[in-house]
C-alpha atoms as a PDB file:
ATOM      1  CA  MET A   1       0.000   0.000   0.000  1.00  0.00           C
ATOM      2  CA  ARG A   2       1.208   3.518  -0.755  1.00  0.00           C
ATOM      3  CA  PHE A   3       0.829   6.459   1.619  1.00  0.00           C
ATOM      4  CA  ASP A   4       1.453   9.966   0.278  1.00  0.00           C
ATOM      5  CA  ILE A   5       1.686  12.653   2.941  1.00  0.00           C
ATOM      6  CA  ILE A   6       1.437  16.259   1.751  1.00  0.00           C
ATOM      7  CA  THR A   7       3.236  18.165   4.491  1.00  0.00           C
ATOM      8  CA  LEU A   8       5.143  21.384   5.076  1.00  0.00           C
ATOM      9  CA  PHE A   9       7.210  19.557   7.687  1.00  0.00           C
ATOM     10  CA  PRO A  10       8.472  16.201   6.350  1.00  0.00           C
ATOM     11  CA  GLU A  11      10.946  16.006   9.235  1.00  0.00           C
ATOM     12  CA  PHE A  12       7.998  15.528  11.599  1.00  0.00           C
ATOM     13  CA  PHE A  13       7.684  11.938  10.397  1.00  0.00           C
ATOM     14  CA  ALA A  14      11.367  10.993  10.645  1.00  0.00           C
ATOM     15  CA  SER A  15      11.270   9.415  14.102  1.00  0.00           C
ATOM     16  CA  PRO A  16       7.867   7.640  13.871  1.00  0.00           C
ATOM     17  CA  LEU A  17       8.729   6.079  10.512  1.00  0.00           C
ATOM     18  CA  SER A  18      12.033   4.770  11.819  1.00  0.00           C
ATOM     19  CA  SER A  19      10.665   3.237  15.028  1.00  0.00           C
ATOM     20  CA  GLY A  20       8.782   0.127  16.089  1.00  0.00           C
ATOM     21  CA  LEU A  21       6.288  -1.764  13.949  1.00  0.00           C
ATOM     22  CA  MET A  22       5.998   1.066  11.455  1.00  0.00           C
ATOM     23  CA  ALA A  23       9.691   0.898  10.617  1.00  0.00           C
ATOM     24  CA  LYS A  24       9.566  -2.896  10.337  1.00  0.00           C
ATOM     25  CA  ALA A  25       6.531  -2.810   8.064  1.00  0.00           C
ATOM     26  CA  LEU A  26       8.174  -0.311   5.742  1.00  0.00           C
ATOM     27  CA  ALA A  27      11.422  -2.292   5.710  1.00  0.00           C
ATOM     28  CA  ARG A  28       9.485  -5.420   4.701  1.00  0.00           C
ATOM     29  CA  GLY A  29       7.810  -3.589   1.840  1.00  0.00           C
ATOM     30  CA  ILE A  30       4.334  -3.969   3.331  1.00  0.00           C
ATOM     31  CA  ALA A  31       3.771  -0.297   2.629  1.00  0.00           C
ATOM     32  CA  GLU A  32       5.524   2.714   1.185  1.00  0.00           C
ATOM     33  CA  VAL A  33       5.386   6.232   2.640  1.00  0.00           C
ATOM     34  CA  VAL A  34       6.234   9.196   0.415  1.00  0.00           C
ATOM     35  CA  LEU A  35       6.492  12.704   1.893  1.00  0.00           C
ATOM     36  CA  THR A  36       5.816  15.624  -0.436  1.00  0.00           C
ATOM     37  CA  ASN A  37       6.330  19.257   0.535  1.00  0.00           C
ATOM     38  CA  PRO A  38       3.901  21.602  -1.270  1.00  0.00           C
ATOM     39  CA  ARG A  39       6.380  24.441  -0.804  1.00  0.00           C
ATOM     40  CA  LYS A  40       8.413  22.892  -3.626  1.00  0.00           C
ATOM     41  CA  PHE A  41       5.517  23.610  -5.992  1.00  0.00           C
ATOM     42  CA  THR A  42       5.287  27.334  -5.339  1.00  0.00           C
ATOM     43  CA  THR A  43       6.210  29.741  -8.142  1.00  0.00           C
ATOM     44  CA  ASP A  44       7.178  32.912  -6.238  1.00  0.00           C
ATOM     45  CA  LYS A  45      10.617  33.658  -4.848  1.00  0.00           C
ATOM     46  CA  HIS A  46       9.382  33.534  -1.246  1.00  0.00           C
ATOM     47  CA  GLN A  47       7.786  30.112  -1.729  1.00  0.00           C
ATOM     48  CA  ARG A  48       4.545  31.226  -0.093  1.00  0.00           C
ATOM     49  CA  VAL A  49       1.997  28.517   0.590  1.00  0.00           C
ATOM     50  CA  ASP A  50      -0.473  30.743   2.453  1.00  0.00           C
ATOM     51  CA  ASP A  51      -2.243  34.066   2.017  1.00  0.00           C
ATOM     52  CA  GLU A  52      -4.786  36.317   3.721  1.00  0.00           C
ATOM     53  CA  PRO A  53      -8.420  35.173   3.575  1.00  0.00           C
ATOM     54  CA  TYR A  54     -10.818  36.940   1.245  1.00  0.00           C
ATOM     55  CA  GLY A  55     -13.407  38.867   3.214  1.00  0.00           C
ATOM     56  CA  GLY A  56     -11.018  39.545   6.067  1.00  0.00           C
ATOM     57  CA  GLY A  57     -10.553  37.704   9.318  1.00  0.00           C
ATOM     58  CA  VAL A  58      -7.738  36.417  11.465  1.00  0.00           C
ATOM     59  CA  GLY A  59      -5.057  33.977  10.387  1.00  0.00           C
ATOM     60  CA  MET A  60      -3.887  32.769   7.022  1.00  0.00           C
ATOM     61  CA  VAL A  61      -5.222  30.187   4.563  1.00  0.00           C
ATOM     62  CA  MET A  62      -3.223  27.635   2.573  1.00  0.00           C
ATOM     63  CA  LYS A  63      -3.268  28.480  -1.131  1.00  0.00           C
ATOM     64  CA  PRO A  64      -4.783  26.042  -3.645  1.00  0.00           C
ATOM     65  CA  GLU A  65      -2.036  26.109  -6.307  1.00  0.00           C
ATOM     66  CA  PRO A  66       0.756  24.349  -4.330  1.00  0.00           C
ATOM     67  CA  LEU A  67      -1.609  21.738  -2.928  1.00  0.00           C
ATOM     68  CA  PHE A  68      -3.129  20.863  -6.294  1.00  0.00           C
ATOM     69  CA  ALA A  69       0.322  20.759  -7.911  1.00  0.00           C
ATOM     70  CA  ALA A  70       1.718  18.550  -5.131  1.00  0.00           C
ATOM     71  CA  VAL A  71      -1.090  15.995  -5.392  1.00  0.00           C
ATOM     72  CA  GLU A  72      -1.118  16.057  -9.202  1.00  0.00           C
ATOM     73  CA  SER A  73       2.615  15.296  -9.225  1.00  0.00           C
ATOM     74  CA  LEU A  74       1.967  11.923  -7.574  1.00  0.00           C
ATOM     75  CA  PRO A  75       1.261   8.662  -9.347  1.00  0.00           C
ATOM     76  CA  SER A  76      -2.420   7.779  -9.086  1.00  0.00           C
ATOM     77  CA  LEU A  77      -3.156   4.173  -8.148  1.00  0.00           C
ATOM     78  CA  PRO A  78      -6.530   2.667  -9.129  1.00  0.00           C
ATOM     79  CA  ARG A  79      -8.048   2.695  -5.636  1.00  0.00           C
ATOM     80  CA  ARG A  80      -6.994   6.064  -4.230  1.00  0.00           C
ATOM     81  CA  GLU A  81      -8.422   8.185  -1.421  1.00  0.00           C
ATOM     82  CA  VAL A  82      -7.425  11.830  -0.914  1.00  0.00           C
ATOM     83  CA  ILE A  83      -7.956  12.673   2.748  1.00  0.00           C
ATOM     84  CA  TYR A  84      -7.920  16.097   4.339  1.00  0.00           C
ATOM     85  CA  VAL A  85      -7.540  16.004   8.127  1.00  0.00           C
ATOM     86  CA  THR A  86      -9.704  18.713   9.683  1.00  0.00           C
ATOM     87  CA  PRO A  87     -11.900  19.204  12.775  1.00  0.00           C
ATOM     88  CA  GLN A  88     -14.776  19.688  10.324  1.00  0.00           C
ATOM     89  CA  GLY A  89     -14.454  16.133   8.954  1.00  0.00           C
ATOM     90  CA  GLU A  90     -16.360  13.018   9.945  1.00  0.00           C
ATOM     91  CA  PRO A  91     -15.022  11.389  13.124  1.00  0.00           C
ATOM     92  CA  LEU A  92     -12.351   8.763  12.524  1.00  0.00           C
ATOM     93  CA  THR A  93     -13.403   5.238  13.509  1.00  0.00           C
ATOM     94  CA  GLN A  94     -11.872   1.792  13.431  1.00  0.00           C
ATOM     95  CA  GLN A  95     -14.230   1.030  10.539  1.00  0.00           C
ATOM     96  CA  HIS A  96     -12.522   3.760   8.487  1.00  0.00           C
ATOM     97  CA  LEU A  97      -9.139   2.167   9.139  1.00  0.00           C
ATOM     98  CA  TRP A  98     -10.329  -1.299   8.145  1.00  0.00           C
ATOM     99  CA  HIS A  99     -12.015   0.053   5.019  1.00  0.00           C
ATOM    100  CA  TRP A 100      -8.902   1.863   3.834  1.00  0.00           C
ATOM    101  CA  SER A 101      -6.618  -1.074   4.635  1.00  0.00           C
ATOM    102  CA  GLN A 102      -8.764  -3.456   2.583  1.00  0.00           C
ATOM    103  CA  GLU A 103     -10.335  -1.290  -0.119  1.00  0.00           C
ATOM    104  CA  ARG A 104      -7.625   1.244  -0.963  1.00  0.00           C
ATOM    105  CA  ASP A 105      -4.207   0.936  -2.597  1.00  0.00           C
ATOM    106  CA  GLN A 106      -3.191   4.539  -1.971  1.00  0.00           C
ATOM    107  CA  LEU A 107      -3.976   7.110   0.706  1.00  0.00           C
ATOM    108  CA  VAL A 108      -3.049  10.718   0.020  1.00  0.00           C
ATOM    109  CA  ILE A 109      -3.252  12.729   3.250  1.00  0.00           C
ATOM    110  CA  LEU A 110      -3.230  16.523   3.229  1.00  0.00           C
ATOM    111  CA  CYS A 111      -1.811  18.120   6.380  1.00  0.00           C
ATOM    112  CA  GLY A 112      -3.389  21.522   6.932  1.00  0.00           C
ATOM    113  CA  HIS A 113      -1.935  24.530   8.756  1.00  0.00           C
ATOM    114  CA  TYR A 114      -2.961  28.037   9.784  1.00  0.00           C
ATOM    115  CA  GLU A 115      -6.744  28.492   9.407  1.00  0.00           C
ATOM    116  CA  GLY A 116      -7.016  25.592   6.976  1.00  0.00           C
ATOM    117  CA  VAL A 117      -6.982  25.261   3.208  1.00  0.00           C
ATOM    118  CA  ASP A 118      -8.739  27.100   0.392  1.00  0.00           C
ATOM    119  CA  GLU A 119     -12.217  25.574   0.080  1.00  0.00           C
ATOM    120  CA  ARG A 120     -11.608  24.746  -3.583  1.00  0.00           C
ATOM    121  CA  VAL A 121      -9.085  22.154  -2.422  1.00  0.00           C
ATOM    122  CA  VAL A 122     -11.814  20.479  -0.369  1.00  0.00           C
ATOM    123  CA  GLU A 123     -14.406  20.706  -3.124  1.00  0.00           C
ATOM    124  CA  HIS A 124     -12.337  19.567  -6.094  1.00  0.00           C
ATOM    125  CA  LEU A 125      -9.312  17.618  -4.804  1.00  0.00           C
ATOM    126  CA  VAL A 126     -10.219  15.958  -1.514  1.00  0.00           C
ATOM    127  CA  THR A 127     -12.411  12.845  -1.529  1.00  0.00           C
ATOM    128  CA  GLN A 128     -12.875  12.517   2.244  1.00  0.00           C
ATOM    129  CA  GLU A 129     -12.555  14.851   5.250  1.00  0.00           C
ATOM    130  CA  ILE A 130     -11.581  13.204   8.529  1.00  0.00           C
ATOM    131  CA  SER A 131     -11.386  14.455  12.126  1.00  0.00           C
ATOM    132  CA  ILE A 132      -9.654  12.682  15.016  1.00  0.00           C
ATOM    133  CA  GLY A 133     -11.686  14.549  17.627  1.00  0.00           C
ATOM    134  CA  ASP A 134     -13.492  17.698  18.674  1.00  0.00           C
ATOM    135  CA  PHE A 135     -10.378  19.741  19.349  1.00  0.00           C
ATOM    136  CA  VAL A 136      -7.858  21.841  17.431  1.00  0.00           C
ATOM    137  CA  LEU A 137      -4.147  21.085  16.986  1.00  0.00           C
ATOM    138  CA  THR A 138      -1.277  23.190  15.665  1.00  0.00           C
ATOM    139  CA  CYS A 139      -0.835  21.079  12.560  1.00  0.00           C
ATOM    140  CA  GLY A 140      -2.316  18.306  10.426  1.00  0.00           C
ATOM    141  CA  GLU A 141       0.739  16.091  10.757  1.00  0.00           C
ATOM    142  CA  ILE A 142      -0.447  14.657  14.071  1.00  0.00           C
ATOM    143  CA  PRO A 143      -3.806  13.320  12.780  1.00  0.00           C
ATOM    144  CA  ALA A 144      -2.068  12.220   9.561  1.00  0.00           C
ATOM    145  CA  LEU A 145       0.288  10.098  11.655  1.00  0.00           C
ATOM    146  CA  VAL A 146      -2.699   8.657  13.536  1.00  0.00           C
ATOM    147  CA  ILE A 147      -4.280   7.541  10.253  1.00  0.00           C
ATOM    148  CA  LEU A 148      -0.989   6.214   8.920  1.00  0.00           C
ATOM    149  CA  ASN A 149      -0.334   4.172  12.054  1.00  0.00           C
ATOM    150  CA  GLY A 150      -3.915   2.934  12.321  1.00  0.00           C
ATOM    151  CA  VAL A 151      -4.055   1.668   8.738  1.00  0.00           C
ATOM    152  CA  LEU A 152      -0.511   0.334   8.572  1.00  0.00           C
ATOM    153  CA  ARG A 153      -0.974  -1.956  11.577  1.00  0.00           C
ATOM    154  CA  LEU A 154      -3.973  -3.594   9.866  1.00  0.00           C
ATOM    155  CA  LEU A 155      -2.064  -4.523   6.709  1.00  0.00           C
ATOM    156  CA  PRO A 156      -1.170  -8.231   6.470  1.00  0.00           C
ATOM    157  CA  GLY A 157       2.269  -8.946   7.901  1.00  0.00           C
ATOM    158  CA  THR A 158       2.608  -5.885  10.128  1.00  0.00           C
ATOM    159  CA  VAL A 159       1.330  -7.422  13.368  1.00  0.00           C
ATOM    160  CA  GLY A 160       2.716 -10.827  14.318  1.00  0.00           C
ATOM    161  CA  LYS A 161      -0.602 -12.313  15.473  1.00  0.00           C
ATOM    162  CA  ALA A 162      -3.167 -11.059  12.995  1.00  0.00           C
ATOM    163  CA  ALA A 163      -6.004 -12.643  15.005  1.00  0.00           C
ATOM    164  CA  SER A 164      -5.322 -10.177  17.826  1.00  0.00           C
ATOM    165  CA  LEU A 165      -6.514  -7.344  15.584  1.00  0.00           C
ATOM    166  CA  HIS A 166     -10.063  -8.660  15.868  1.00  0.00           C
ATOM    167  CA  HIS A 167     -10.051  -8.725  19.692  1.00  0.00           C
ATOM    168  CA  GLU A 168      -9.505  -5.046  20.444  1.00  0.00           C
ATOM    169  CA  SER A 169     -11.545  -2.038  21.445  1.00  0.00           C
ATOM    170  CA  PHE A 170     -14.170  -0.984  18.881  1.00  0.00           C
ATOM    171  CA  GLU A 171     -13.875  -4.133  16.747  1.00  0.00           C
ATOM    172  CA  ASP A 172     -17.408  -5.236  17.633  1.00  0.00           C
ATOM    173  CA  GLY A 173     -18.746  -1.949  18.964  1.00  0.00           C
ATOM    174  CA  LEU A 174     -17.410  -2.355  22.517  1.00  0.00           C
ATOM    175  CA  LEU A 175     -14.343  -1.342  24.488  1.00  0.00           C
ATOM    176  CA  ASP A 176     -11.720  -3.958  25.290  1.00  0.00           C
ATOM    177  CA  TYR A 177     -11.823  -6.127  28.415  1.00  0.00           C
ATOM    178  CA  PRO A 178      -9.225  -5.811  31.248  1.00  0.00           C
ATOM    179  CA  HIS A 179      -5.894  -7.582  30.766  1.00  0.00           C
ATOM    180  CA  TYR A 180      -3.692  -9.186  33.435  1.00  0.00           C
ATOM    181  CA  THR A 181      -0.319 -10.930  33.482  1.00  0.00           C
ATOM    182  CA  ARG A 182       2.128 -12.366  36.037  1.00  0.00           C
ATOM    183  CA  PRO A 183       2.381 -12.185  39.015  1.00  0.00           C
ATOM    184  CA  ALA A 184      -1.018 -13.493  40.075  1.00  0.00           C
ATOM    185  CA  GLU A 185      -0.833 -11.241  43.153  1.00  0.00           C
ATOM    186  CA  PHE A 186       0.827  -7.832  43.302  1.00  0.00           C
ATOM    187  CA  ARG A 187       0.801  -5.633  46.423  1.00  0.00           C
ATOM    188  CA  GLY A 188      -2.248  -7.497  47.649  1.00  0.00           C
ATOM    189  CA  TRP A 189      -4.161  -7.074  44.379  1.00  0.00           C
ATOM    190  CA  SER A 190      -5.077 -10.387  42.800  1.00  0.00           C
ATOM    191  CA  VAL A 191      -5.911 -11.406  39.265  1.00  0.00           C
ATOM    192  CA  PRO A 192      -9.633 -12.339  38.923  1.00  0.00           C
ATOM    193  CA  PRO A 193      -9.890 -16.063  39.796  1.00  0.00           C
ATOM    194  CA  VAL A 194     -11.752 -16.903  36.586  1.00  0.00           C
ATOM    195  CA  LEU A 195      -8.638 -16.077  34.542  1.00  0.00           C
ATOM    196  CA  LEU A 196      -6.672 -18.678  36.503  1.00  0.00           C
ATOM    197  CA  SER A 197      -9.353 -21.354  36.192  1.00  0.00           C
ATOM    198  CA  GLY A 198      -8.335 -22.702  32.801  1.00  0.00           C
ATOM    199  CA  HIS A 199     -12.013 -22.832  31.820  1.00  0.00           C
ATOM    200  CA  HIS A 200     -12.035 -21.147  28.421  1.00  0.00           C
ATOM    201  CA  GLY A 201     -15.800 -20.834  28.199  1.00  0.00           C
ATOM    202  CA  GLU A 202     -16.063 -19.079  31.557  1.00  0.00           C
ATOM    203  CA  ILE A 203     -13.124 -16.829  30.692  1.00  0.00           C
ATOM    204  CA  ALA A 204     -14.735 -15.828  27.399  1.00  0.00           C
ATOM    205  CA  ALA A 205     -18.030 -15.074  29.150  1.00  0.00           C
ATOM    206  CA  TRP A 206     -16.275 -13.010  31.842  1.00  0.00           C
ATOM    207  CA  ARG A 207     -14.384 -11.007  29.240  1.00  0.00           C
ATOM    208  CA  ARG A 208     -17.526 -10.317  27.252  1.00  0.00           C
ATOM    209  CA  ALA A 209     -19.366  -9.185  30.372  1.00  0.00           C
ATOM    210  CA  GLN A 210     -16.445  -6.906  31.235  1.00  0.00           C
ATOM    211  CA  GLN A 211     -16.522  -5.382  27.747  1.00  0.00           C
ATOM    212  CA  ILE A 212     -20.213  -4.627  28.023  1.00  0.00           C
ATOM    213  CA  GLU A 213     -20.024  -3.165  31.521  1.00  0.00           C
ATOM    214  CA  ARG A 214     -16.884  -1.135  30.788  1.00  0.00           C
ATOM    215  CA  THR A 215     -18.470   0.340  27.687  1.00  0.00           C
ATOM    216  CA  ARG A 216     -21.689   1.122  29.562  1.00  0.00           C
ATOM    217  CA  GLN A 217     -19.803   2.968  32.283  1.00  0.00           C
ATOM    218  CA  ARG A 218     -17.114   4.733  30.255  1.00  0.00           C
ATOM    219  CA  ARG A 219     -18.724   5.312  26.861  1.00  0.00           C
ATOM    220  CA  PRO A 220     -22.504   5.429  27.143  1.00  0.00           C
ATOM    221  CA  ASP A 221     -22.651   6.746  23.577  1.00  0.00           C
ATOM    222  CA  LEU A 222     -20.940   3.600  22.251  1.00  0.00           C
ATOM    223  CA  TYR A 223     -23.038   1.442  24.555  1.00  0.00           C
ATOM    224  CA  ALA A 224     -26.247   2.898  23.134  1.00  0.00           C
ATOM    225  CA  LYS A 225     -25.046   2.230  19.587  1.00  0.00           C
ATOM    226  CA  TRP A 226     -24.083  -1.319  20.561  1.00  0.00           C
ATOM    227  CA  LEU A 227     -27.518  -1.959  22.064  1.00  0.00           C
ATOM    228  CA  ASN A 228     -29.186  -0.687  18.909  1.00  0.00           C
ATOM    229  CA  ALA A 229     -26.941  -2.912  16.816  1.00  0.00           C
ATOM    230  CA  GLN A 230     -27.789  -5.895  19.015  1.00  0.00           C
ATOM    231  CA  ASN A 231     -31.469  -5.248  18.525  1.00  0.00           C
ATOM    232  CA  ALA A 232     -30.917  -4.977  14.784  1.00  0.00           C
ATOM    233  CA  GLY A 233     -28.850  -8.166  14.749  1.00  0.00           C
ATOM    234  CA  HIS A 234     -25.660  -6.475  13.507  1.00  0.00           C
ATOM    235  CA  PHE A 235     -23.368  -7.935  16.165  1.00  0.00           C
ATOM    236  CA  LYS A 236     -23.429 -11.396  17.699  1.00  0.00           C
ATOM    237  CA  ASN A 237     -23.379 -11.405  21.484  1.00  0.00           C
ATOM    238  CA  SER A 238     -21.381 -14.341  22.817  1.00  0.00           C
ATOM    239  CA  CYS A 239     -22.649 -14.017  26.402  1.00  0.00           C
END
């Protein structure tokens, strides 16, 4: 899979791309990440990528010419998505990550700055707007890295035990269950006895109950969606 990141700060990605599973996946050829700086596509001597907004207002807006030129300089694979990361986009979910990892060959991610990008970029270049939350950051590189990491880990060969990807938070509409490891007792706090029982059916039931209760307490919004899905028969409850 090919990832194209349109960024004014390619150096931002140096450490993440050379560390951990991401570095290993790239070294194995599971994916390719190409960083493109739109400043290289400016035509003025100052290499300006931003300008004042029409109609007045605070801040600056990224100009359309460098962004269009940067994206149009890239090879276009058959199944390509051009993503603009913005607080105005639809909230990022695990379903987005799975969809892109399975249905796309190329993700082009535009990293915004200042007050955002010229709306013509959104209307005529971008195919999907994505937000990682209801808050504002200093740059689009952070959410771009979130998307890159989230999709890359789902590609075959990145994670050693691929089955573990289907037993995580959000995979079936619920948060994950609690995890424990050795020692069985630490500072007087013991591991739940059921996990030491060796009874796989009881362990599975306990974990499912924990998922449901944890989601109900911590994310009532997700819990309500899960209940609706249960009623509609979308998810299979193993309790």
